[in-house]
N, C-alpha and C. Protein backbone atom coordinates (compact mmCIF):
# COMPACT_ATOMS: atom_id res chain seq x y z
N UNK A 1 -22.67 -2.87 21.04
CA UNK A 1 -22.39 -4.16 21.63
C UNK A 1 -21.98 -3.94 23.08
N UNK A 2 -22.49 -4.79 23.94
CA UNK A 2 -22.21 -4.67 25.37
C UNK A 2 -21.47 -5.91 25.85
N UNK A 3 -20.36 -5.70 26.52
CA UNK A 3 -19.62 -6.83 27.07
C UNK A 3 -20.27 -7.24 28.39
N UNK A 4 -20.52 -8.55 28.52
CA UNK A 4 -21.15 -9.10 29.72
C UNK A 4 -20.16 -10.06 30.37
N UNK A 5 -19.92 -9.94 31.66
CA UNK A 5 -19.01 -10.88 32.33
C UNK A 5 -19.50 -12.32 32.16
N UNK A 6 -18.57 -13.22 31.93
CA UNK A 6 -18.93 -14.61 31.67
C UNK A 6 -19.70 -15.22 32.85
N UNK A 7 -19.38 -14.81 34.06
CA UNK A 7 -20.09 -15.35 35.21
C UNK A 7 -21.56 -14.95 35.18
N UNK A 8 -21.87 -13.80 34.62
CA UNK A 8 -23.26 -13.35 34.49
C UNK A 8 -23.99 -14.13 33.40
N UNK A 9 -23.27 -14.58 32.39
CA UNK A 9 -23.87 -15.27 31.25
C UNK A 9 -23.85 -16.80 31.39
N UNK A 10 -23.19 -17.34 32.38
CA UNK A 10 -22.98 -18.79 32.50
C UNK A 10 -24.28 -19.59 32.46
N UNK A 11 -25.30 -19.15 33.16
CA UNK A 11 -26.56 -19.88 33.19
C UNK A 11 -27.23 -19.89 31.82
N UNK A 12 -27.21 -18.76 31.14
CA UNK A 12 -27.79 -18.68 29.79
C UNK A 12 -27.03 -19.58 28.83
N UNK A 13 -25.72 -19.60 28.93
CA UNK A 13 -24.90 -20.46 28.08
C UNK A 13 -25.28 -21.93 28.29
N UNK A 14 -25.37 -22.36 29.54
CA UNK A 14 -25.73 -23.75 29.84
C UNK A 14 -27.12 -24.09 29.31
N UNK A 15 -28.07 -23.19 29.48
CA UNK A 15 -29.43 -23.43 28.98
C UNK A 15 -29.45 -23.55 27.46
N UNK A 16 -28.77 -22.65 26.76
CA UNK A 16 -28.76 -22.67 25.29
C UNK A 16 -28.06 -23.91 24.76
N UNK A 17 -26.99 -24.34 25.41
CA UNK A 17 -26.30 -25.56 24.98
C UNK A 17 -27.23 -26.77 25.05
N UNK A 18 -28.06 -26.81 26.07
CA UNK A 18 -28.92 -27.98 26.25
C UNK A 18 -30.26 -27.90 25.53
N UNK A 19 -30.60 -26.73 24.97
CA UNK A 19 -31.92 -26.58 24.37
C UNK A 19 -31.91 -26.11 22.92
N UNK A 20 -30.83 -26.31 22.21
CA UNK A 20 -30.86 -25.89 20.81
C UNK A 20 -29.52 -25.47 20.26
N UNK A 21 -28.61 -25.18 21.12
CA UNK A 21 -27.27 -24.90 20.66
C UNK A 21 -26.89 -23.44 20.63
N UNK A 22 -25.62 -23.24 20.36
CA UNK A 22 -25.01 -21.92 20.23
C UNK A 22 -24.13 -21.95 18.98
N UNK A 23 -23.65 -20.80 18.58
CA UNK A 23 -22.79 -20.70 17.40
C UNK A 23 -21.32 -20.68 17.81
N UNK A 24 -20.52 -21.52 17.17
CA UNK A 24 -19.07 -21.46 17.30
C UNK A 24 -18.56 -20.86 15.99
N UNK A 25 -17.74 -19.82 16.09
CA UNK A 25 -17.22 -19.12 14.91
C UNK A 25 -15.71 -19.11 14.94
N UNK A 26 -15.11 -19.27 13.77
CA UNK A 26 -13.67 -19.18 13.64
C UNK A 26 -13.32 -18.71 12.24
N UNK A 27 -12.06 -18.38 12.04
CA UNK A 27 -11.60 -17.94 10.72
C UNK A 27 -10.09 -18.16 10.63
N UNK A 28 -9.63 -18.28 9.38
CA UNK A 28 -8.19 -18.39 9.12
C UNK A 28 -7.97 -18.23 7.62
N UNK A 29 -6.87 -17.61 7.26
CA UNK A 29 -6.45 -17.47 5.86
C UNK A 29 -7.56 -16.93 4.97
N UNK A 30 -8.30 -15.93 5.47
CA UNK A 30 -9.35 -15.31 4.68
C UNK A 30 -10.65 -16.08 4.61
N UNK A 31 -10.73 -17.22 5.28
CA UNK A 31 -11.95 -18.03 5.32
C UNK A 31 -12.56 -17.89 6.72
N UNK A 32 -13.87 -17.99 6.76
CA UNK A 32 -14.57 -17.93 8.05
C UNK A 32 -15.65 -18.99 8.07
N UNK A 33 -16.07 -19.36 9.26
CA UNK A 33 -17.15 -20.33 9.37
C UNK A 33 -17.88 -20.16 10.68
N UNK A 34 -19.14 -20.53 10.63
CA UNK A 34 -19.98 -20.59 11.82
C UNK A 34 -20.62 -21.97 11.82
N UNK A 35 -20.60 -22.62 12.97
CA UNK A 35 -21.23 -23.92 13.11
C UNK A 35 -22.04 -23.93 14.40
N UNK A 36 -22.98 -24.85 14.47
CA UNK A 36 -23.79 -25.00 15.67
C UNK A 36 -23.17 -26.06 16.56
N UNK A 37 -23.09 -25.76 17.84
CA UNK A 37 -22.65 -26.77 18.80
C UNK A 37 -23.71 -26.88 19.90
N UNK A 38 -23.92 -28.08 20.36
CA UNK A 38 -24.85 -28.33 21.46
C UNK A 38 -24.10 -28.95 22.62
N UNK A 39 -22.81 -28.79 22.62
CA UNK A 39 -21.97 -29.37 23.65
C UNK A 39 -20.85 -28.37 23.93
N UNK A 40 -20.22 -28.54 25.03
CA UNK A 40 -19.13 -27.65 25.42
C UNK A 40 -19.25 -27.39 26.90
N UNK A 41 -18.30 -26.68 27.40
CA UNK A 41 -18.33 -26.41 28.82
C UNK A 41 -17.55 -25.18 29.18
N UNK A 42 -18.04 -24.51 30.18
CA UNK A 42 -17.41 -23.32 30.70
C UNK A 42 -16.69 -23.70 31.99
N UNK A 43 -15.44 -23.37 32.07
CA UNK A 43 -14.65 -23.68 33.25
C UNK A 43 -13.66 -22.55 33.48
N UNK A 44 -12.74 -22.74 34.38
CA UNK A 44 -11.70 -21.73 34.63
C UNK A 44 -10.38 -22.44 34.88
N UNK A 45 -9.32 -21.86 34.34
CA UNK A 45 -7.96 -22.32 34.59
C UNK A 45 -7.20 -21.17 35.20
N UNK A 46 -6.71 -21.37 36.41
CA UNK A 46 -5.99 -20.34 37.14
C UNK A 46 -6.78 -19.04 37.20
N UNK A 47 -8.10 -19.17 37.39
CA UNK A 47 -8.97 -18.02 37.53
C UNK A 47 -9.37 -17.34 36.23
N UNK A 48 -8.96 -17.88 35.09
CA UNK A 48 -9.30 -17.31 33.79
C UNK A 48 -10.43 -18.14 33.18
N UNK A 49 -11.59 -17.53 32.89
CA UNK A 49 -12.68 -18.28 32.28
C UNK A 49 -12.27 -18.88 30.93
N UNK A 50 -12.73 -20.09 30.67
CA UNK A 50 -12.35 -20.81 29.45
C UNK A 50 -13.55 -21.63 28.99
N UNK A 51 -13.82 -21.60 27.68
CA UNK A 51 -14.87 -22.41 27.11
C UNK A 51 -14.22 -23.54 26.33
N UNK A 52 -14.62 -24.76 26.60
CA UNK A 52 -14.08 -25.93 25.92
C UNK A 52 -15.14 -26.45 24.96
N UNK A 53 -14.76 -26.61 23.69
CA UNK A 53 -15.70 -27.08 22.67
C UNK A 53 -15.03 -28.14 21.81
N UNK A 54 -15.44 -29.39 21.94
CA UNK A 54 -14.86 -30.42 21.07
C UNK A 54 -15.41 -30.28 19.65
N UNK A 55 -14.50 -30.32 18.66
CA UNK A 55 -14.88 -30.23 17.25
C UNK A 55 -14.21 -31.38 16.52
N UNK A 56 -15.00 -32.18 15.81
CA UNK A 56 -14.46 -33.33 15.08
C UNK A 56 -13.49 -32.89 14.00
N UNK A 57 -12.49 -33.72 13.77
CA UNK A 57 -11.49 -33.38 12.76
C UNK A 57 -12.04 -33.42 11.34
N UNK A 58 -13.21 -34.00 11.13
CA UNK A 58 -13.83 -34.03 9.81
C UNK A 58 -14.57 -32.74 9.48
N UNK A 59 -14.78 -31.89 10.46
CA UNK A 59 -15.52 -30.64 10.25
C UNK A 59 -14.64 -29.58 9.60
N UNK A 60 -15.26 -28.75 8.77
CA UNK A 60 -14.56 -27.65 8.12
C UNK A 60 -13.94 -26.71 9.17
N UNK A 61 -14.66 -26.45 10.24
CA UNK A 61 -14.16 -25.55 11.29
C UNK A 61 -12.88 -26.08 11.93
N UNK A 62 -12.72 -27.38 11.96
CA UNK A 62 -11.54 -27.97 12.61
C UNK A 62 -10.26 -27.45 11.96
N UNK A 63 -10.20 -27.46 10.63
CA UNK A 63 -9.01 -26.97 9.93
C UNK A 63 -8.75 -25.51 10.21
N UNK A 64 -9.81 -24.71 10.25
CA UNK A 64 -9.65 -23.29 10.57
C UNK A 64 -9.16 -23.11 12.00
N UNK A 65 -9.69 -23.91 12.91
CA UNK A 65 -9.25 -23.84 14.31
C UNK A 65 -7.78 -24.22 14.46
N UNK A 66 -7.35 -25.22 13.73
CA UNK A 66 -5.94 -25.64 13.78
C UNK A 66 -5.01 -24.52 13.29
N UNK A 67 -5.46 -23.80 12.26
CA UNK A 67 -4.64 -22.70 11.72
C UNK A 67 -4.66 -21.47 12.62
N UNK A 68 -5.83 -21.13 13.15
CA UNK A 68 -6.00 -19.90 13.91
C UNK A 68 -5.77 -20.09 15.40
N UNK A 69 -6.30 -21.17 15.95
CA UNK A 69 -6.16 -21.41 17.38
C UNK A 69 -7.16 -20.65 18.24
N UNK A 70 -8.08 -19.93 17.59
CA UNK A 70 -9.05 -19.14 18.36
C UNK A 70 -10.45 -19.34 17.80
N UNK A 71 -11.43 -19.19 18.68
CA UNK A 71 -12.83 -19.25 18.28
C UNK A 71 -13.65 -18.37 19.21
N UNK A 72 -14.86 -18.11 18.80
CA UNK A 72 -15.81 -17.42 19.67
C UNK A 72 -17.05 -18.27 19.80
N UNK A 73 -17.82 -18.00 20.83
CA UNK A 73 -19.11 -18.64 21.03
C UNK A 73 -20.13 -17.51 21.10
N UNK A 74 -21.10 -17.56 20.18
CA UNK A 74 -22.16 -16.55 20.16
C UNK A 74 -23.46 -17.20 20.62
N UNK A 75 -24.09 -16.58 21.59
CA UNK A 75 -25.30 -17.11 22.21
C UNK A 75 -26.52 -16.40 21.64
N UNK A 76 -27.38 -17.12 20.92
CA UNK A 76 -28.58 -16.45 20.40
C UNK A 76 -29.53 -16.08 21.54
N UNK A 77 -29.92 -14.82 21.57
CA UNK A 77 -30.81 -14.34 22.63
C UNK A 77 -32.23 -14.14 22.13
N UNK A 78 -32.47 -14.44 20.85
CA UNK A 78 -33.82 -14.43 20.29
C UNK A 78 -33.92 -15.63 19.34
N UNK A 79 -35.08 -15.83 18.74
CA UNK A 79 -35.30 -17.02 17.91
C UNK A 79 -34.38 -17.05 16.69
N UNK A 80 -33.47 -17.98 16.68
CA UNK A 80 -32.57 -18.20 15.54
C UNK A 80 -32.53 -19.69 15.21
N UNK A 81 -33.66 -20.39 15.45
CA UNK A 81 -33.70 -21.84 15.24
C UNK A 81 -33.34 -22.23 13.81
N UNK A 82 -33.82 -21.48 12.82
CA UNK A 82 -33.51 -21.81 11.43
C UNK A 82 -32.02 -21.69 11.18
N UNK A 83 -31.41 -20.61 11.66
CA UNK A 83 -29.97 -20.40 11.47
C UNK A 83 -29.17 -21.48 12.21
N UNK A 84 -29.59 -21.83 13.42
CA UNK A 84 -28.91 -22.88 14.17
C UNK A 84 -29.00 -24.22 13.44
N UNK A 85 -30.17 -24.52 12.87
CA UNK A 85 -30.36 -25.78 12.16
C UNK A 85 -29.47 -25.84 10.91
N UNK A 86 -29.48 -24.79 10.11
CA UNK A 86 -28.68 -24.78 8.88
C UNK A 86 -27.19 -24.76 9.21
N UNK A 87 -26.78 -23.95 10.17
CA UNK A 87 -25.36 -23.88 10.53
C UNK A 87 -24.85 -25.21 11.08
N UNK A 88 -25.77 -26.03 11.59
CA UNK A 88 -25.40 -27.33 12.12
C UNK A 88 -25.49 -28.47 11.12
N UNK A 89 -26.04 -28.21 9.93
CA UNK A 89 -26.22 -29.29 8.96
C UNK A 89 -25.52 -29.04 7.63
N UNK A 90 -25.15 -27.81 7.34
CA UNK A 90 -24.45 -27.47 6.09
C UNK A 90 -22.97 -27.26 6.39
N UNK A 91 -22.14 -27.53 5.41
CA UNK A 91 -20.70 -27.37 5.59
C UNK A 91 -20.22 -26.03 5.05
N UNK A 92 -19.31 -25.42 5.77
CA UNK A 92 -18.66 -24.20 5.32
C UNK A 92 -17.78 -24.43 4.11
N UNK A 93 -17.49 -25.69 3.80
CA UNK A 93 -16.75 -26.00 2.56
C UNK A 93 -17.59 -25.65 1.34
N UNK A 94 -18.92 -25.72 1.49
CA UNK A 94 -19.84 -25.54 0.37
C UNK A 94 -20.45 -24.15 0.29
N UNK A 95 -20.70 -23.52 1.41
CA UNK A 95 -21.33 -22.20 1.42
C UNK A 95 -20.73 -21.33 2.52
N UNK A 96 -20.82 -20.01 2.33
CA UNK A 96 -20.50 -19.07 3.40
C UNK A 96 -21.79 -18.95 4.22
N UNK A 97 -21.80 -19.58 5.38
CA UNK A 97 -23.03 -19.64 6.16
C UNK A 97 -23.45 -18.28 6.71
N UNK A 98 -22.49 -17.39 6.97
CA UNK A 98 -22.87 -16.05 7.41
C UNK A 98 -23.75 -15.39 6.34
N UNK A 99 -23.24 -15.34 5.11
CA UNK A 99 -24.00 -14.71 4.02
C UNK A 99 -25.27 -15.48 3.72
N UNK A 100 -25.18 -16.81 3.64
CA UNK A 100 -26.33 -17.63 3.28
C UNK A 100 -27.46 -17.56 4.28
N UNK A 101 -27.14 -17.27 5.53
CA UNK A 101 -28.17 -17.21 6.58
C UNK A 101 -28.53 -15.78 6.96
N UNK A 102 -27.93 -14.82 6.26
CA UNK A 102 -28.22 -13.42 6.56
C UNK A 102 -27.72 -12.98 7.91
N UNK A 103 -26.61 -13.58 8.36
CA UNK A 103 -26.04 -13.21 9.65
C UNK A 103 -24.84 -12.30 9.43
N UNK A 104 -24.63 -11.40 10.36
CA UNK A 104 -23.54 -10.44 10.28
C UNK A 104 -22.35 -10.95 11.10
N UNK A 105 -21.19 -11.04 10.45
CA UNK A 105 -19.96 -11.40 11.15
C UNK A 105 -19.24 -10.13 11.57
N UNK A 106 -18.99 -10.01 12.85
CA UNK A 106 -18.22 -8.88 13.37
C UNK A 106 -16.94 -9.41 14.01
N UNK A 107 -15.88 -8.60 14.05
CA UNK A 107 -14.67 -9.07 14.73
C UNK A 107 -14.88 -9.14 16.24
N UNK A 108 -14.31 -10.16 16.84
CA UNK A 108 -14.36 -10.29 18.30
C UNK A 108 -13.46 -9.23 18.93
N UNK A 109 -13.65 -8.98 20.20
CA UNK A 109 -12.87 -7.96 20.90
C UNK A 109 -11.50 -8.45 21.35
N UNK A 110 -11.37 -9.76 21.64
CA UNK A 110 -10.13 -10.22 22.25
C UNK A 110 -9.41 -11.32 21.50
N UNK A 111 -10.04 -11.92 20.50
CA UNK A 111 -9.39 -12.97 19.70
C UNK A 111 -9.65 -12.69 18.23
N UNK A 112 -8.84 -13.30 17.38
CA UNK A 112 -8.99 -13.12 15.92
C UNK A 112 -9.95 -14.18 15.38
N UNK A 113 -11.23 -13.91 15.55
CA UNK A 113 -12.31 -14.78 15.06
C UNK A 113 -13.58 -13.93 15.04
N UNK A 114 -14.51 -14.26 14.18
CA UNK A 114 -15.74 -13.46 14.14
C UNK A 114 -16.72 -13.85 15.25
N UNK A 115 -17.69 -12.98 15.44
CA UNK A 115 -18.84 -13.26 16.29
C UNK A 115 -20.10 -13.08 15.43
N UNK A 116 -21.20 -13.65 15.86
CA UNK A 116 -22.50 -13.43 15.22
C UNK A 116 -23.09 -12.18 15.86
N UNK A 117 -23.28 -11.13 15.06
CA UNK A 117 -23.79 -9.85 15.60
C UNK A 117 -25.22 -9.97 16.10
N UNK A 118 -26.03 -10.77 15.42
CA UNK A 118 -27.43 -10.88 15.79
C UNK A 118 -27.61 -11.55 17.14
C-alpha cells in the first residue's frame, strides 16, 4: 500500500464523486460497514486536510459513525461499478458487504476504521 498526499489525489476524488461514487467505511463494536457515497467534499481546517461526508441518520453507517467518530474514504482506481452499486443499495444491517462483495477490509493507517484494499 502506498500513501498518496491528499493534494495529489484531490482531482481523482472529485472526479470519482461525480461519476459513480467512492466507498465510505467505518466500524464500531465489532461491526463494520462500507457504503457508496456520491457526495462529500475535501477541504482544510487550519491547514489540515479534511473530508466532509453527510450521512443520513437512517443509514446503518450513521450509528457506527456516532460510536466510532471515524471513517475512511476509499477511491476505486479500477472498475468496481458492481461493488459500488451494491454497497449503495444494500444495508449493512442485513449483510456484511465486504464479504458479500468479495472486498478486503484492511485497517486504516491513522484512524480506527477499515479501508477497501482493492
